[in-house]
Amino acid sequence: MPTIGIPHTVGNSYSRSTGDDSASASIKLRLTVAARRDALTQMLAEGTNPTSSPELALRASQLTGDRRRSDMVRTWRRILDEARRPSVTRALGSIVNRRAVLEAQDAIEAMIARLGSPEAIEVKGMAMAERIVTDGLASPLYDHAEPGSLRRLVLLATAKLDGHPSELPIAA
């Protein structure tokens, strides 16, 4: 019967059992992070130091990794496409707040360009971008919020990708 092996990688992600339980600790950490993903992302978006706990450190590395960055670029591109050309198969309308997305189009395209660039990003900005996309209850991406609120959030998250201060330019 075939077995599934745990890959050996550099760092503390996984290791083969050598008498200690580091592999099971790693699995336990990953399960904890998966179960608390939204809360950990919110903490990072609020500026909690990612090195303050192993859970936050792992979530920060997940958010800023190349895979999540490319997923986020694809997600934002799909959001723009949906706002520009809503699917005719949708019965009553778009899932996203089309008007807010179209008003924020330039800011979203700037975020896409920044996420697609090879330069490193700051975890706070990525966590903020993640919250915009995943918070279906409070995000102006889905909710009919005050005009311009999605644009402001996207601009702020993009600025935080580079670690800029929280103040936005007056023209934002």
N, C-alpha and C. Protein backbone atom coordinates (compact mmCIF):
# COMPACT_ATOMS: atom_id res chain seq x y z
N MET A 1 0.85 -1.17 0.00
CA MET A 1 0.00 0.00 0.00
C MET A 1 0.90 1.24 0.00
N PRO A 2 0.62 2.22 -0.88
CA PRO A 2 1.46 3.40 -0.93
C PRO A 2 1.27 4.25 0.33
N THR A 3 2.32 4.96 0.66
CA THR A 3 2.26 5.87 1.81
C THR A 3 2.58 7.27 1.35
N ILE A 4 2.13 8.22 2.12
CA ILE A 4 2.40 9.62 1.82
C ILE A 4 3.50 10.08 2.76
N GLY A 5 4.58 10.56 2.18
CA GLY A 5 5.68 11.03 2.99
C GLY A 5 5.59 12.51 3.25
N ILE A 6 6.18 12.95 4.31
CA ILE A 6 6.25 14.37 4.62
C ILE A 6 7.53 14.90 3.98
N PRO A 7 7.42 15.92 3.12
CA PRO A 7 8.61 16.43 2.46
C PRO A 7 9.56 17.07 3.45
N HIS A 8 10.84 16.93 3.18
CA HIS A 8 11.86 17.54 4.01
C HIS A 8 12.27 18.85 3.35
N THR A 9 12.13 19.93 4.06
CA THR A 9 12.55 21.23 3.52
C THR A 9 13.43 21.92 4.53
N VAL A 10 14.14 22.93 4.05
CA VAL A 10 14.99 23.72 4.92
C VAL A 10 14.10 24.60 5.78
N GLY A 11 14.53 24.87 6.99
CA GLY A 11 13.74 25.74 7.87
C GLY A 11 12.88 24.89 8.79
N ASN A 12 11.90 25.52 9.38
CA ASN A 12 11.10 24.80 10.35
C ASN A 12 9.76 24.34 9.80
N SER A 13 9.61 24.31 8.49
CA SER A 13 8.34 23.92 7.92
C SER A 13 8.04 22.44 8.20
N TYR A 14 8.86 21.58 7.71
CA TYR A 14 8.69 20.16 7.93
C TYR A 14 10.06 19.54 8.17
N SER A 15 10.08 18.47 8.89
CA SER A 15 11.31 17.70 9.01
C SER A 15 10.92 16.25 9.28
N ARG A 16 11.78 15.35 8.89
CA ARG A 16 11.52 13.94 9.16
C ARG A 16 11.76 13.69 10.64
N SER A 17 11.01 12.76 11.18
CA SER A 17 11.12 12.48 12.61
C SER A 17 12.50 11.91 12.91
N THR A 18 13.17 12.53 13.87
CA THR A 18 14.50 12.08 14.27
C THR A 18 14.50 11.86 15.78
N GLY A 19 13.38 11.40 16.31
CA GLY A 19 13.32 11.20 17.74
C GLY A 19 12.62 12.36 18.44
N ASP A 20 12.57 13.55 17.79
CA ASP A 20 11.81 14.65 18.38
C ASP A 20 10.47 14.75 17.67
N ASP A 21 9.64 15.64 18.09
CA ASP A 21 8.33 15.74 17.46
C ASP A 21 8.19 17.05 16.69
N SER A 22 9.25 17.49 16.02
CA SER A 22 9.19 18.74 15.28
C SER A 22 8.23 18.65 14.09
N ALA A 23 8.13 17.49 13.45
CA ALA A 23 7.20 17.34 12.33
C ALA A 23 5.77 17.46 12.83
N SER A 24 5.46 16.82 13.94
CA SER A 24 4.09 16.92 14.45
C SER A 24 3.81 18.32 14.98
N ALA A 25 4.83 19.00 15.53
CA ALA A 25 4.66 20.39 15.97
C ALA A 25 4.37 21.28 14.77
N SER A 26 5.05 21.02 13.66
CA SER A 26 4.83 21.79 12.45
C SER A 26 3.42 21.56 11.91
N ILE A 27 2.97 20.34 11.93
CA ILE A 27 1.63 20.02 11.46
C ILE A 27 0.60 20.68 12.38
N LYS A 28 0.84 20.61 13.68
CA LYS A 28 -0.06 21.24 14.63
C LYS A 28 -0.12 22.75 14.40
N LEU A 29 1.04 23.36 14.15
CA LEU A 29 1.09 24.80 13.88
C LEU A 29 0.31 25.14 12.62
N ARG A 30 0.49 24.38 11.58
CA ARG A 30 -0.22 24.62 10.32
C ARG A 30 -1.75 24.46 10.50
N LEU A 31 -2.15 23.48 11.26
CA LEU A 31 -3.58 23.29 11.52
C LEU A 31 -4.14 24.45 12.34
N THR A 32 -3.38 24.90 13.32
CA THR A 32 -3.81 26.05 14.13
C THR A 32 -3.95 27.29 13.26
N VAL A 33 -2.99 27.53 12.40
CA VAL A 33 -3.03 28.69 11.51
C VAL A 33 -4.21 28.57 10.54
N ALA A 34 -4.45 27.39 10.03
CA ALA A 34 -5.59 27.21 9.11
C ALA A 34 -6.91 27.49 9.82
N ALA A 35 -7.02 27.05 11.06
CA ALA A 35 -8.27 27.26 11.81
C ALA A 35 -8.46 28.73 12.20
N ARG A 36 -7.37 29.45 12.40
CA ARG A 36 -7.45 30.85 12.85
C ARG A 36 -7.04 31.83 11.77
N ARG A 37 -7.07 31.40 10.53
CA ARG A 37 -6.55 32.20 9.42
C ARG A 37 -7.13 33.62 9.38
N ASP A 38 -8.44 33.75 9.45
CA ASP A 38 -9.05 35.07 9.37
C ASP A 38 -8.63 35.98 10.52
N ALA A 39 -8.64 35.44 11.73
CA ALA A 39 -8.25 36.24 12.90
C ALA A 39 -6.78 36.66 12.81
N LEU A 40 -5.93 35.74 12.38
CA LEU A 40 -4.50 36.07 12.25
C LEU A 40 -4.29 37.12 11.16
N THR A 41 -5.00 36.99 10.06
CA THR A 41 -4.90 37.98 8.98
C THR A 41 -5.35 39.34 9.48
N GLN A 42 -6.44 39.38 10.23
CA GLN A 42 -6.93 40.64 10.79
C GLN A 42 -5.88 41.27 11.70
N MET A 43 -5.25 40.47 12.54
CA MET A 43 -4.21 40.98 13.45
C MET A 43 -3.05 41.58 12.65
N LEU A 44 -2.65 40.90 11.60
CA LEU A 44 -1.56 41.40 10.76
C LEU A 44 -1.97 42.68 10.03
N ALA A 45 -3.21 42.75 9.59
CA ALA A 45 -3.71 43.95 8.92
C ALA A 45 -3.74 45.14 9.87
N GLU A 46 -3.94 44.87 11.15
CA GLU A 46 -3.96 45.93 12.16
C GLU A 46 -2.57 46.32 12.62
N GLY A 47 -1.54 45.61 12.15
CA GLY A 47 -0.17 45.98 12.47
C GLY A 47 0.52 45.17 13.55
N THR A 48 -0.08 44.06 13.97
CA THR A 48 0.56 43.20 14.96
C THR A 48 1.87 42.67 14.39
N ASN A 49 2.90 42.67 15.20
CA ASN A 49 4.22 42.21 14.78
C ASN A 49 4.15 40.73 14.44
N PRO A 50 4.50 40.35 13.21
CA PRO A 50 4.41 38.93 12.82
C PRO A 50 5.38 38.03 13.57
N THR A 51 6.40 38.59 14.19
CA THR A 51 7.33 37.73 14.93
C THR A 51 6.90 37.52 16.38
N SER A 52 5.73 38.03 16.74
CA SER A 52 5.28 37.91 18.13
C SER A 52 4.73 36.52 18.46
N SER A 53 4.46 35.71 17.46
CA SER A 53 4.05 34.32 17.72
C SER A 53 4.36 33.48 16.49
N PRO A 54 4.55 32.18 16.69
CA PRO A 54 4.79 31.30 15.54
C PRO A 54 3.61 31.29 14.57
N GLU A 55 2.39 31.40 15.09
CA GLU A 55 1.21 31.41 14.24
C GLU A 55 1.20 32.63 13.33
N LEU A 56 1.48 33.79 13.90
CA LEU A 56 1.52 35.01 13.09
C LEU A 56 2.67 34.97 12.08
N ALA A 57 3.79 34.42 12.49
CA ALA A 57 4.93 34.33 11.57
C ALA A 57 4.60 33.44 10.37
N LEU A 58 3.96 32.31 10.64
CA LEU A 58 3.59 31.42 9.54
C LEU A 58 2.54 32.07 8.64
N ARG A 59 1.54 32.71 9.24
CA ARG A 59 0.51 33.37 8.42
C ARG A 59 1.12 34.48 7.59
N ALA A 60 2.05 35.23 8.16
CA ALA A 60 2.73 36.30 7.41
C ALA A 60 3.50 35.73 6.23
N SER A 61 4.19 34.62 6.44
CA SER A 61 4.94 34.02 5.32
C SER A 61 4.00 33.48 4.25
N GLN A 62 2.84 32.96 4.66
CA GLN A 62 1.86 32.50 3.68
C GLN A 62 1.35 33.68 2.84
N LEU A 63 1.02 34.78 3.50
CA LEU A 63 0.46 35.93 2.80
C LEU A 63 1.45 36.57 1.84
N THR A 64 2.71 36.65 2.22
CA THR A 64 3.69 37.35 1.40
C THR A 64 4.42 36.44 0.41
N GLY A 65 4.08 35.18 0.41
CA GLY A 65 4.73 34.24 -0.51
C GLY A 65 4.30 34.48 -1.96
N ASP A 66 5.13 34.03 -2.87
CA ASP A 66 4.87 34.21 -4.30
C ASP A 66 3.52 33.62 -4.73
N ARG A 67 3.19 32.47 -4.18
CA ARG A 67 1.93 31.81 -4.57
C ARG A 67 0.72 32.68 -4.21
N ARG A 68 0.68 33.21 -2.99
CA ARG A 68 -0.46 34.03 -2.58
C ARG A 68 -0.49 35.33 -3.35
N ARG A 69 0.70 35.89 -3.64
CA ARG A 69 0.74 37.12 -4.43
C ARG A 69 0.13 36.89 -5.81
N SER A 70 0.51 35.78 -6.48
CA SER A 70 -0.07 35.54 -7.81
C SER A 70 -1.55 35.22 -7.73
N ASP A 71 -1.97 34.52 -6.68
CA ASP A 71 -3.40 34.27 -6.49
C ASP A 71 -4.16 35.59 -6.32
N MET A 72 -3.58 36.50 -5.57
CA MET A 72 -4.23 37.79 -5.32
C MET A 72 -4.31 38.62 -6.60
N VAL A 73 -3.27 38.58 -7.42
CA VAL A 73 -3.30 39.28 -8.71
C VAL A 73 -4.44 38.72 -9.57
N ARG A 74 -4.54 37.39 -9.64
CA ARG A 74 -5.63 36.77 -10.42
C ARG A 74 -7.00 37.14 -9.85
N THR A 75 -7.12 37.16 -8.55
CA THR A 75 -8.39 37.51 -7.91
C THR A 75 -8.80 38.92 -8.27
N TRP A 76 -7.88 39.88 -8.13
CA TRP A 76 -8.22 41.28 -8.44
C TRP A 76 -8.52 41.45 -9.93
N ARG A 77 -7.81 40.72 -10.80
CA ARG A 77 -8.12 40.81 -12.24
C ARG A 77 -9.52 40.28 -12.52
N ARG A 78 -9.90 39.17 -11.86
CA ARG A 78 -11.25 38.63 -12.03
C ARG A 78 -12.30 39.61 -11.52
N ILE A 79 -12.00 40.28 -10.42
CA ILE A 79 -12.92 41.27 -9.87
C ILE A 79 -13.14 42.40 -10.87
N LEU A 80 -12.05 42.89 -11.46
CA LEU A 80 -12.17 43.94 -12.47
C LEU A 80 -12.96 43.45 -13.67
N ASP A 81 -12.67 42.25 -14.14
CA ASP A 81 -13.40 41.68 -15.29
C ASP A 81 -14.89 41.55 -14.99
N GLU A 82 -15.21 41.09 -13.79
CA GLU A 82 -16.62 40.93 -13.40
C GLU A 82 -17.32 42.28 -13.36
N ALA A 83 -16.63 43.30 -12.88
CA ALA A 83 -17.25 44.63 -12.80
C ALA A 83 -17.44 45.23 -14.19
N ARG A 84 -16.48 44.98 -15.08
CA ARG A 84 -16.57 45.54 -16.45
C ARG A 84 -17.59 44.80 -17.29
N ARG A 85 -17.62 43.47 -17.15
CA ARG A 85 -18.50 42.64 -17.96
C ARG A 85 -19.14 41.59 -17.06
N PRO A 86 -20.23 41.95 -16.40
CA PRO A 86 -20.86 40.97 -15.51
C PRO A 86 -21.35 39.76 -16.30
N SER A 87 -21.29 38.63 -15.68
CA SER A 87 -21.70 37.39 -16.31
C SER A 87 -23.20 37.42 -16.62
N VAL A 88 -23.54 37.00 -17.81
CA VAL A 88 -24.96 36.96 -18.18
C VAL A 88 -25.68 35.81 -17.51
N THR A 89 -24.93 34.87 -16.94
CA THR A 89 -25.56 33.74 -16.27
C THR A 89 -25.98 34.09 -14.85
N ARG A 90 -25.52 35.20 -14.33
CA ARG A 90 -25.94 35.63 -12.99
C ARG A 90 -27.36 36.15 -13.07
N ALA A 91 -28.22 35.62 -12.26
CA ALA A 91 -29.64 35.95 -12.34
C ALA A 91 -29.94 37.39 -11.96
N LEU A 92 -29.53 37.82 -10.80
CA LEU A 92 -29.96 39.11 -10.31
C LEU A 92 -28.86 40.17 -10.24
N GLY A 93 -27.67 39.83 -10.51
CA GLY A 93 -26.63 40.84 -10.47
C GLY A 93 -25.28 40.29 -10.06
N SER A 94 -24.39 41.19 -9.91
CA SER A 94 -23.02 40.85 -9.61
C SER A 94 -22.83 40.61 -8.11
N ILE A 95 -21.88 39.79 -7.78
CA ILE A 95 -21.54 39.55 -6.39
C ILE A 95 -20.79 40.76 -5.84
N VAL A 96 -19.90 41.33 -6.64
CA VAL A 96 -19.14 42.48 -6.18
C VAL A 96 -19.93 43.76 -6.40
N ASN A 97 -19.57 44.77 -5.65
CA ASN A 97 -20.17 46.09 -5.81
C ASN A 97 -19.55 46.71 -7.06
N ARG A 98 -20.19 46.51 -8.19
CA ARG A 98 -19.63 46.92 -9.49
C ARG A 98 -19.28 48.40 -9.51
N ARG A 99 -20.16 49.24 -9.02
CA ARG A 99 -19.90 50.68 -9.04
C ARG A 99 -18.63 51.02 -8.26
N ALA A 100 -18.48 50.43 -7.08
CA ALA A 100 -17.30 50.70 -6.25
C ALA A 100 -16.03 50.21 -6.95
N VAL A 101 -16.11 49.04 -7.59
CA VAL A 101 -14.94 48.50 -8.29
C VAL A 101 -14.56 49.41 -9.46
N LEU A 102 -15.53 49.82 -10.23
CA LEU A 102 -15.23 50.68 -11.38
C LEU A 102 -14.68 52.03 -10.93
N GLU A 103 -15.18 52.57 -9.82
CA GLU A 103 -14.65 53.83 -9.28
C GLU A 103 -13.21 53.66 -8.79
N ALA A 104 -12.87 52.45 -8.34
CA ALA A 104 -11.54 52.18 -7.79
C ALA A 104 -10.61 51.52 -8.80
N GLN A 105 -11.02 51.47 -10.06
CA GLN A 105 -10.26 50.72 -11.07
C GLN A 105 -8.79 51.11 -11.13
N ASP A 106 -8.48 52.39 -11.14
CA ASP A 106 -7.07 52.80 -11.22
C ASP A 106 -6.29 52.36 -9.99
N ALA A 107 -6.89 52.44 -8.82
CA ALA A 107 -6.23 52.01 -7.59
C ALA A 107 -6.03 50.49 -7.59
N ILE A 108 -7.02 49.76 -8.07
CA ILE A 108 -6.91 48.30 -8.14
C ILE A 108 -5.82 47.90 -9.13
N GLU A 109 -5.76 48.58 -10.27
CA GLU A 109 -4.70 48.27 -11.24
C GLU A 109 -3.32 48.57 -10.68
N ALA A 110 -3.19 49.62 -9.87
CA ALA A 110 -1.91 49.93 -9.23
C ALA A 110 -1.55 48.83 -8.22
N MET A 111 -2.54 48.32 -7.49
CA MET A 111 -2.27 47.24 -6.55
C MET A 111 -1.85 45.98 -7.30
N ILE A 112 -2.53 45.68 -8.39
CA ILE A 112 -2.17 44.51 -9.19
C ILE A 112 -0.73 44.62 -9.68
N ALA A 113 -0.36 45.80 -10.17
CA ALA A 113 1.01 46.00 -10.66
C ALA A 113 2.02 45.81 -9.54
N ARG A 114 1.70 46.33 -8.36
CA ARG A 114 2.64 46.22 -7.23
C ARG A 114 2.76 44.78 -6.77
N LEU A 115 1.65 44.07 -6.68
CA LEU A 115 1.70 42.66 -6.27
C LEU A 115 2.42 41.80 -7.30
N GLY A 116 2.34 42.19 -8.57
CA GLY A 116 3.00 41.43 -9.62
C GLY A 116 4.47 41.76 -9.80
N SER A 117 4.94 42.79 -9.11
CA SER A 117 6.35 43.17 -9.24
C SER A 117 7.23 42.23 -8.42
N PRO A 118 8.52 42.17 -8.76
CA PRO A 118 9.41 41.26 -8.03
C PRO A 118 9.86 41.79 -6.67
N GLU A 119 9.60 43.05 -6.36
CA GLU A 119 10.05 43.61 -5.09
C GLU A 119 9.28 43.00 -3.93
N ALA A 120 9.96 42.91 -2.80
CA ALA A 120 9.33 42.38 -1.58
C ALA A 120 8.18 43.28 -1.15
N ILE A 121 7.25 42.70 -0.43
CA ILE A 121 6.11 43.46 0.08
C ILE A 121 6.05 43.33 1.60
N GLU A 122 5.39 44.29 2.21
CA GLU A 122 5.18 44.26 3.66
C GLU A 122 3.90 43.47 3.95
N VAL A 123 3.94 42.72 5.03
CA VAL A 123 2.81 41.85 5.38
C VAL A 123 1.55 42.65 5.71
N LYS A 124 1.68 43.81 6.32
CA LYS A 124 0.48 44.57 6.69
C LYS A 124 -0.35 44.92 5.45
N GLY A 125 0.31 45.36 4.39
CA GLY A 125 -0.41 45.70 3.16
C GLY A 125 -1.07 44.49 2.53
N MET A 126 -0.38 43.37 2.54
CA MET A 126 -0.95 42.16 1.96
C MET A 126 -2.12 41.67 2.80
N ALA A 127 -2.00 41.76 4.12
CA ALA A 127 -3.10 41.35 4.99
C ALA A 127 -4.31 42.26 4.77
N MET A 128 -4.07 43.55 4.57
CA MET A 128 -5.18 44.47 4.30
C MET A 128 -5.86 44.12 2.98
N ALA A 129 -5.06 43.83 1.96
CA ALA A 129 -5.62 43.45 0.65
C ALA A 129 -6.42 42.15 0.77
N GLU A 130 -5.90 41.22 1.54
CA GLU A 130 -6.59 39.95 1.77
C GLU A 130 -7.94 40.18 2.45
N ARG A 131 -7.97 41.06 3.43
CA ARG A 131 -9.22 41.36 4.15
C ARG A 131 -10.25 42.02 3.23
N ILE A 132 -9.81 42.86 2.33
CA ILE A 132 -10.74 43.50 1.39
C ILE A 132 -11.45 42.43 0.56
N VAL A 133 -10.70 41.43 0.14
CA VAL A 133 -11.24 40.38 -0.73
C VAL A 133 -12.05 39.35 0.04
N THR A 134 -11.66 39.04 1.28
CA THR A 134 -12.27 37.92 1.99
C THR A 134 -13.35 38.30 3.00
N ASP A 135 -13.46 39.56 3.37
CA ASP A 135 -14.46 39.95 4.37
C ASP A 135 -15.77 40.29 3.69
N GLY A 136 -16.58 39.28 3.48
CA GLY A 136 -17.84 39.46 2.76
C GLY A 136 -18.89 40.26 3.52
N LEU A 137 -18.70 40.44 4.81
CA LEU A 137 -19.69 41.17 5.60
C LEU A 137 -19.43 42.67 5.66
N ALA A 138 -18.16 43.07 5.71
CA ALA A 138 -17.85 44.48 5.95
C ALA A 138 -17.07 45.15 4.82
N SER A 139 -16.56 44.39 3.88
CA SER A 139 -15.74 44.99 2.84
C SER A 139 -16.57 45.80 1.85
N PRO A 140 -16.12 47.01 1.51
CA PRO A 140 -16.83 47.79 0.49
C PRO A 140 -16.75 47.15 -0.90
N LEU A 141 -15.97 46.09 -1.05
CA LEU A 141 -15.94 45.36 -2.30
C LEU A 141 -17.29 44.67 -2.54
N TYR A 142 -17.95 44.27 -1.48
CA TYR A 142 -19.23 43.57 -1.59
C TYR A 142 -20.41 44.40 -1.06
N ASP A 143 -20.13 45.20 -0.05
CA ASP A 143 -21.17 45.96 0.62
C ASP A 143 -21.36 47.30 -0.08
N HIS A 144 -22.57 47.79 -0.07
CA HIS A 144 -22.84 49.11 -0.64
C HIS A 144 -22.49 50.16 0.40
N ALA A 145 -21.22 50.48 0.46
CA ALA A 145 -20.69 51.42 1.45
C ALA A 145 -20.63 52.82 0.87
N GLU A 146 -20.09 53.71 1.65
CA GLU A 146 -19.92 55.11 1.23
C GLU A 146 -19.10 55.16 -0.06
N PRO A 147 -19.52 56.00 -1.02
CA PRO A 147 -18.76 56.11 -2.27
C PRO A 147 -17.29 56.46 -2.00
N GLY A 148 -16.42 55.79 -2.71
CA GLY A 148 -14.98 56.03 -2.58
C GLY A 148 -14.30 55.22 -1.50
N SER A 149 -15.06 54.49 -0.68
CA SER A 149 -14.42 53.76 0.42
C SER A 149 -13.57 52.59 -0.07
N LEU A 150 -14.00 51.90 -1.13
CA LEU A 150 -13.17 50.82 -1.67
C LEU A 150 -11.88 51.38 -2.23
N ARG A 151 -11.98 52.46 -2.97
CA ARG A 151 -10.77 53.09 -3.54
C ARG A 151 -9.79 53.48 -2.45
N ARG A 152 -10.29 54.09 -1.37
CA ARG A 152 -9.42 54.51 -0.27
C ARG A 152 -8.75 53.31 0.38
N LEU A 153 -9.51 52.23 0.60
CA LEU A 153 -8.92 51.03 1.22
C LEU A 153 -7.86 50.40 0.32
N VAL A 154 -8.13 50.34 -0.97
CA VAL A 154 -7.16 49.75 -1.91
C VAL A 154 -5.89 50.61 -1.96
N LEU A 155 -6.05 51.93 -2.00
CA LEU A 155 -4.88 52.82 -1.99
C LEU A 155 -4.07 52.65 -0.70
N LEU A 156 -4.76 52.55 0.43
CA LEU A 156 -4.08 52.38 1.70
C LEU A 156 -3.33 51.06 1.75
N ALA A 157 -3.99 49.98 1.31
CA ALA A 157 -3.34 48.66 1.30
C ALA A 157 -2.12 48.67 0.38
N THR A 158 -2.25 49.30 -0.77
CA THR A 158 -1.12 49.38 -1.71
C THR A 158 0.03 50.15 -1.10
N ALA A 159 -0.27 51.26 -0.43
CA ALA A 159 0.79 52.03 0.25
C ALA A 159 1.46 51.18 1.32
N LYS A 160 0.68 50.39 2.04
CA LYS A 160 1.23 49.54 3.10
C LYS A 160 2.04 48.38 2.55
N LEU A 161 1.81 48.00 1.29
CA LEU A 161 2.66 46.96 0.69
C LEU A 161 4.12 47.41 0.68
N ASP A 162 4.33 48.71 0.59
CA ASP A 162 5.67 49.27 0.61
C ASP A 162 6.06 49.79 1.98
N GLY A 163 5.17 49.68 2.96
CA GLY A 163 5.48 50.14 4.31
C GLY A 163 5.32 51.63 4.52
N HIS A 164 4.60 52.29 3.62
CA HIS A 164 4.39 53.74 3.76
C HIS A 164 3.49 54.04 4.95
N PRO A 165 3.59 55.28 5.48
CA PRO A 165 2.71 55.66 6.59
C PRO A 165 1.23 55.57 6.20
N SER A 166 0.38 55.54 7.18
CA SER A 166 -1.04 55.31 6.93
C SER A 166 -1.76 56.49 6.28
N GLU A 167 -1.16 57.67 6.26
CA GLU A 167 -1.84 58.80 5.65
C GLU A 167 -1.85 58.64 4.13
N LEU A 168 -2.99 58.97 3.56
CA LEU A 168 -3.11 58.93 2.11
C LEU A 168 -2.89 60.31 1.55
N PRO A 169 -2.45 60.41 0.30
CA PRO A 169 -2.35 61.72 -0.32
C PRO A 169 -3.71 62.39 -0.37
N ILE A 170 -3.73 63.69 -0.34
CA ILE A 170 -4.99 64.46 -0.33
C ILE A 170 -5.83 64.11 -1.56
N ALA A 171 -5.22 63.86 -2.70
CA ALA A 171 -5.95 63.60 -3.94
C ALA A 171 -6.55 62.19 -3.96
N ALA A 172 -6.29 61.39 -2.96
CA ALA A 172 -6.82 60.02 -2.94
C ALA A 172 -8.32 60.08 -2.89
